Amino acid sequence: MINMGVNKTSTGISALDTMLKGGYEGDVISTIYGPAGSGKTNLCMLAALNVIKSGKKVMYIDTEGGFSIARLEQVSKDYKKDLDNFLFFKPINFEEQKNVFDKLRQMVNEKIGLIIVDTISMLYRLERDKGDEHSVTMANRDLGLQFSYLTEIARKRNIPVLITTQVYSSFDERDKVNLVGGDIVKYGSKCLIELQKIHKNKRIAILKKHRSLPESENVMLEIRDEGVFGVEDKQQ
């Protein structure tokens, strides 16, 4: 059953809005995942610009240094003005990422229209890869705590939270796409969108989880200099 009372925020891409029946839901975490270069940061940037157009600011946690001013200039008509409405956080290790999340709950106010974490998993993965059992246990605990913070903000403030995560394949199941963060990410996200590379600038966005929409809905997207756009072709 669709919750008609839920506020939705446009993705900035009309074809993706159509698939999501209006956009990202305002009181939950939406997660975009896919391989490197699949367009995750592009989708984050376009959603952010759409929120800024409405007069709100965007909190943007950039753990990979993937946010490009040059790309923003391509997709924004007034990128310098838009840039003033981003609040950037750039942690360089998992400890710094934890500190950022501690600050979020104190800093969020009515001026914030979107929170983006791109990606939530890279520094977590590096922490886990230290190899000892204690590091793995503590990293999992802290990532779960970060998701609980984001969920609390989304529900109390009715602010959409958009995160991205990396993927990997195991040696035994090379064809299976696994999310870095595993069940913590899956259970913490009410919306999961997988991006698959198709050909050059073509991508398929597949709805893998949603609390009110059918899974496996999908739309073909094309990444261009001026943004991301839907194309007529659709995966069957």
Protein backbone atom coordinates (compact mmCIF):
# COMPACT_ATOMS: atom_id res chain seq x y z
CA MET A 1 0.00 0.00 0.00
CA ILE A 2 1.41 3.41 -0.99
CA ASN A 3 1.77 5.90 1.84
CA MET A 4 0.10 8.95 0.35
CA GLY A 5 1.33 11.14 3.19
CA VAL A 6 5.01 10.69 2.38
CA ASN A 7 6.79 13.69 0.94
CA LYS A 8 8.84 12.90 -2.16
CA THR A 9 11.81 14.77 -3.58
CA SER A 10 12.53 14.74 -7.30
CA THR A 11 15.62 12.86 -8.40
CA GLY A 12 16.30 15.59 -10.96
CA ILE A 13 15.75 13.00 -13.71
CA SER A 14 12.19 12.80 -15.03
CA ALA A 15 12.47 9.15 -16.12
CA LEU A 16 13.72 8.12 -12.68
CA ASP A 17 10.97 10.16 -11.03
CA THR A 18 8.45 8.22 -13.10
CA MET A 19 9.88 4.90 -11.94
CA LEU A 20 9.81 6.04 -8.30
CA LYS A 21 6.35 7.63 -8.63
CA GLY A 22 7.62 11.07 -7.73
CA GLY A 23 11.16 10.66 -6.46
CA TYR A 24 13.03 9.77 -3.29
CA GLU A 25 10.86 9.39 -0.20
CA GLY A 26 11.40 12.01 2.45
CA ASP A 27 11.47 9.92 5.59
CA VAL A 28 13.75 7.03 4.65
CA ILE A 29 17.21 6.15 3.37
CA SER A 30 17.52 5.50 -0.37
CA THR A 31 20.65 3.71 -1.54
CA ILE A 32 22.17 3.67 -5.01
CA TYR A 33 24.75 0.99 -5.72
CA GLY A 34 26.79 -0.13 -8.69
CA PRO A 35 30.34 -0.53 -9.98
CA ALA A 36 32.83 2.30 -10.24
CA GLY A 37 31.90 4.72 -13.00
CA SER A 38 28.26 3.63 -13.14
CA GLY A 39 26.93 7.12 -12.41
CA LYS A 40 26.21 7.07 -8.66
CA THR A 41 27.73 10.49 -8.03
CA ASN A 42 25.94 11.93 -11.06
CA LEU A 43 22.60 10.91 -9.55
CA CYS A 44 23.58 12.40 -6.20
CA MET A 45 24.57 15.69 -7.79
CA LEU A 46 21.36 16.02 -9.81
CA ALA A 47 19.20 15.28 -6.77
CA ALA A 48 21.16 17.89 -4.82
CA LEU A 49 20.71 20.56 -7.50
CA ASN A 50 16.98 19.89 -7.60
CA VAL A 51 16.73 20.42 -3.83
CA ILE A 52 18.78 23.61 -4.05
CA LYS A 53 16.34 24.96 -6.64
CA SER A 54 13.63 24.67 -4.00
CA GLY A 55 15.57 26.98 -1.69
CA LYS A 56 17.06 24.33 0.60
CA LYS A 57 20.65 23.38 1.36
CA VAL A 58 22.32 20.00 0.94
CA MET A 59 24.64 18.20 3.34
CA TYR A 60 27.12 16.26 1.23
CA ILE A 61 29.50 13.75 2.81
CA ASP A 62 32.14 12.96 0.19
CA THR A 63 34.35 10.08 1.32
CA GLU A 64 36.03 9.39 -2.03
CA GLY A 65 36.70 12.89 -3.36
CA GLY A 66 34.28 12.04 -6.16
CA PHE A 67 32.42 15.37 -6.22
CA SER A 68 33.71 17.31 -9.24
CA ILE A 69 33.33 21.08 -9.55
CA ALA A 70 33.92 20.70 -13.29
CA ARG A 71 31.01 18.26 -13.51
CA LEU A 72 28.83 20.59 -11.46
CA GLU A 73 29.59 23.38 -13.91
CA GLN A 74 28.39 21.15 -16.76
CA VAL A 75 25.03 20.32 -15.22
CA SER A 76 24.24 23.58 -13.40
CA LYS A 77 23.20 26.87 -14.99
CA ASP A 78 24.69 28.84 -12.09
CA TYR A 79 27.15 26.49 -10.46
CA LYS A 80 28.87 29.10 -8.27
CA LYS A 81 25.59 30.09 -6.66
CA ASP A 82 24.54 26.45 -6.33
CA LEU A 83 27.88 25.54 -4.77
CA ASP A 84 27.20 27.97 -1.90
CA ASN A 85 24.24 25.80 -0.90
CA PHE A 86 26.29 22.64 -0.36
CA LEU A 87 27.62 21.87 3.10
CA PHE A 88 30.58 19.58 2.43
CA PHE A 89 32.19 17.06 4.74
CA LYS A 90 35.25 15.19 3.50
CA PRO A 91 36.39 12.53 5.99
CA ILE A 92 39.60 10.75 5.08
CA ASN A 93 39.30 7.77 7.43
CA PHE A 94 36.53 5.88 9.19
CA GLU A 95 37.16 7.63 12.50
CA GLU A 96 36.57 10.99 10.82
CA GLN A 97 33.45 9.61 9.16
CA LYS A 98 32.12 8.61 12.59
CA ASN A 99 32.77 12.14 13.87
CA VAL A 100 30.86 13.62 10.92
CA PHE A 101 27.82 11.49 11.74
CA ASP A 102 27.99 12.60 15.36
CA LYS A 103 27.75 16.21 14.15
CA LEU A 104 24.91 15.62 11.69
CA ARG A 105 22.18 15.27 14.27
CA GLN A 106 23.20 18.57 15.86
CA MET A 107 23.53 20.48 12.59
CA VAL A 108 20.38 19.43 10.73
CA ASN A 109 17.72 22.14 10.71
CA GLU A 110 14.78 23.32 8.61
CA LYS A 111 17.14 24.74 5.97
CA ILE A 112 18.45 21.28 5.04
CA GLY A 113 16.53 19.59 2.23
CA LEU A 114 18.74 16.56 1.53
CA ILE A 115 21.57 14.56 3.08
CA ILE A 116 23.93 12.69 0.76
CA VAL A 117 26.65 10.20 1.71
CA ASP A 118 28.81 9.28 -1.29
CA THR A 119 29.92 6.64 -0.49
CA ILE A 120 29.09 5.32 2.95
CA SER A 121 31.16 2.19 2.42
CA MET A 122 34.67 3.05 1.21
CA LEU A 123 36.22 4.09 4.53
CA TYR A 124 34.24 1.36 6.28
CA ARG A 125 35.73 -1.19 3.90
CA LEU A 126 39.25 0.06 4.58
CA GLU A 127 38.61 -0.24 8.32
CA ARG A 128 37.36 -3.81 7.92
CA ASP A 129 40.33 -4.71 5.74
CA LYS A 130 42.70 -4.18 8.64
CA GLY A 131 42.04 -7.87 9.08
CA ASP A 132 41.69 -8.44 12.80
CA GLU A 133 38.38 -9.62 14.23
CA HIS A 134 38.06 -6.63 16.55
CA SER A 135 38.32 -4.15 13.65
CA VAL A 136 35.62 -5.99 11.71
CA THR A 137 33.29 -6.12 14.72
CA MET A 138 33.75 -2.45 15.57
CA ALA A 139 33.42 -1.33 11.94
CA ASN A 140 30.12 -3.22 11.61
CA ARG A 141 28.85 -1.75 14.86
CA ASP A 142 29.79 1.79 13.83
CA LEU A 143 28.28 1.47 10.36
CA GLY A 144 25.06 0.23 11.91
CA LEU A 145 25.09 3.21 14.26
CA GLN A 146 25.56 5.59 11.33
CA PHE A 147 22.52 4.09 9.63
CA SER A 148 20.51 4.53 12.82
CA TYR A 149 21.52 8.21 12.93
CA LEU A 150 20.44 8.72 9.33
CA THR A 151 17.16 6.89 9.90
CA GLU A 152 16.45 9.04 12.95
CA ILE A 153 17.10 12.25 10.98
CA ALA A 154 15.00 11.12 8.02
CA ARG A 155 12.02 10.14 10.15
CA LYS A 156 12.06 13.07 12.58
CA ARG A 157 12.82 15.76 10.01
CA ASN A 158 11.15 14.21 6.96
CA ILE A 159 14.39 14.80 5.06
CA PRO A 160 15.38 12.40 2.28
CA VAL A 161 18.71 10.66 2.81
CA LEU A 162 20.53 9.46 -0.29
CA ILE A 163 23.58 7.24 0.02
CA THR A 164 25.76 5.29 -2.37
CA THR A 165 27.71 2.12 -1.78
CA GLN A 166 30.26 0.07 -3.64
CA VAL A 167 29.81 -3.47 -4.93
CA TYR A 168 32.03 -6.51 -5.20
CA SER A 169 31.90 -10.07 -6.49
CA SER A 170 33.07 -13.10 -4.56
CA PHE A 171 35.40 -15.73 -5.95
CA ASP A 172 32.69 -18.42 -5.78
CA GLU A 173 29.85 -16.27 -7.16
CA ARG A 174 31.37 -13.99 -9.76
CA ASP A 175 28.02 -13.18 -11.36
CA LYS A 176 26.40 -12.11 -8.08
CA VAL A 177 26.46 -8.43 -7.11
CA ASN A 178 27.25 -7.93 -3.43
CA LEU A 179 26.90 -4.63 -1.59
CA VAL A 180 29.77 -3.43 0.54
CA GLY A 181 28.13 -3.18 3.94
CA GLY A 182 25.96 -6.21 3.26
CA ASP A 183 22.87 -6.63 5.41
CA ILE A 184 23.53 -3.39 7.29
CA VAL A 185 22.97 -1.46 4.07
CA LYS A 186 20.12 -3.68 2.83
CA TYR A 187 18.09 -3.53 6.03
CA GLY A 188 18.88 0.12 6.73
CA SER A 189 17.66 1.24 3.30
CA LYS A 190 13.96 1.32 2.40
CA CYS A 191 14.81 1.94 -1.26
CA LEU A 192 17.60 0.17 -3.17
CA ILE A 193 18.50 1.11 -6.74
CA GLU A 194 21.09 -0.82 -8.70
CA LEU A 195 22.95 0.88 -11.54
CA GLN A 196 24.27 -1.37 -14.29
CA LYS A 197 26.59 -0.31 -17.08
CA ILE A 198 25.18 -1.21 -20.48
CA HIS A 199 27.13 0.51 -23.24
CA LYS A 200 29.29 3.63 -23.15
CA ASN A 201 27.06 6.21 -21.43
CA LYS A 202 23.99 3.99 -21.11
CA ARG A 203 22.92 2.69 -17.70
CA ILE A 204 19.96 0.73 -16.37
CA ALA A 205 18.56 1.76 -13.00
CA ILE A 206 16.76 -1.19 -11.40
CA LEU A 207 14.53 -0.91 -8.36
CA LYS A 208 15.66 -3.73 -6.08
CA LYS A 209 13.74 -2.77 -2.95
CA HIS A 210 10.95 -0.36 -2.10
CA ARG A 211 8.32 -0.31 0.60
CA SER A 212 5.45 0.55 -1.75
CA LEU A 213 6.55 -0.05 -5.35
CA PRO A 214 7.14 -3.31 -7.23
CA GLU A 215 10.69 -4.60 -7.38
CA SER A 216 12.51 -5.00 -10.71
CA GLU A 217 10.96 -1.84 -12.17
CA ASN A 218 13.70 -0.30 -14.29
CA VAL A 219 14.55 2.55 -16.58
CA MET A 220 17.29 3.13 -19.13
CA LEU A 221 19.38 6.23 -18.52
CA GLU A 222 21.97 8.06 -20.58
CA ILE A 223 24.76 10.15 -19.04
CA ARG A 224 25.45 13.26 -21.11
CA ASP A 225 27.57 16.35 -20.58
CA GLU A 226 24.50 18.35 -19.55
CA GLY A 227 23.08 15.74 -17.16
CA VAL A 228 21.40 12.33 -17.01
CA PHE A 229 18.34 11.58 -19.10
CA GLY A 230 15.93 8.73 -19.69
CA VAL A 231 15.93 6.96 -23.03
CA GLU A 232 13.02 5.15 -24.66
CA ASP A 233 14.57 1.71 -24.48
CA LYS A 234 13.66 -0.26 -21.36
CA GLN A 235 14.98 -3.59 -20.14
CA GLN A 236 12.42 -6.36 -20.42
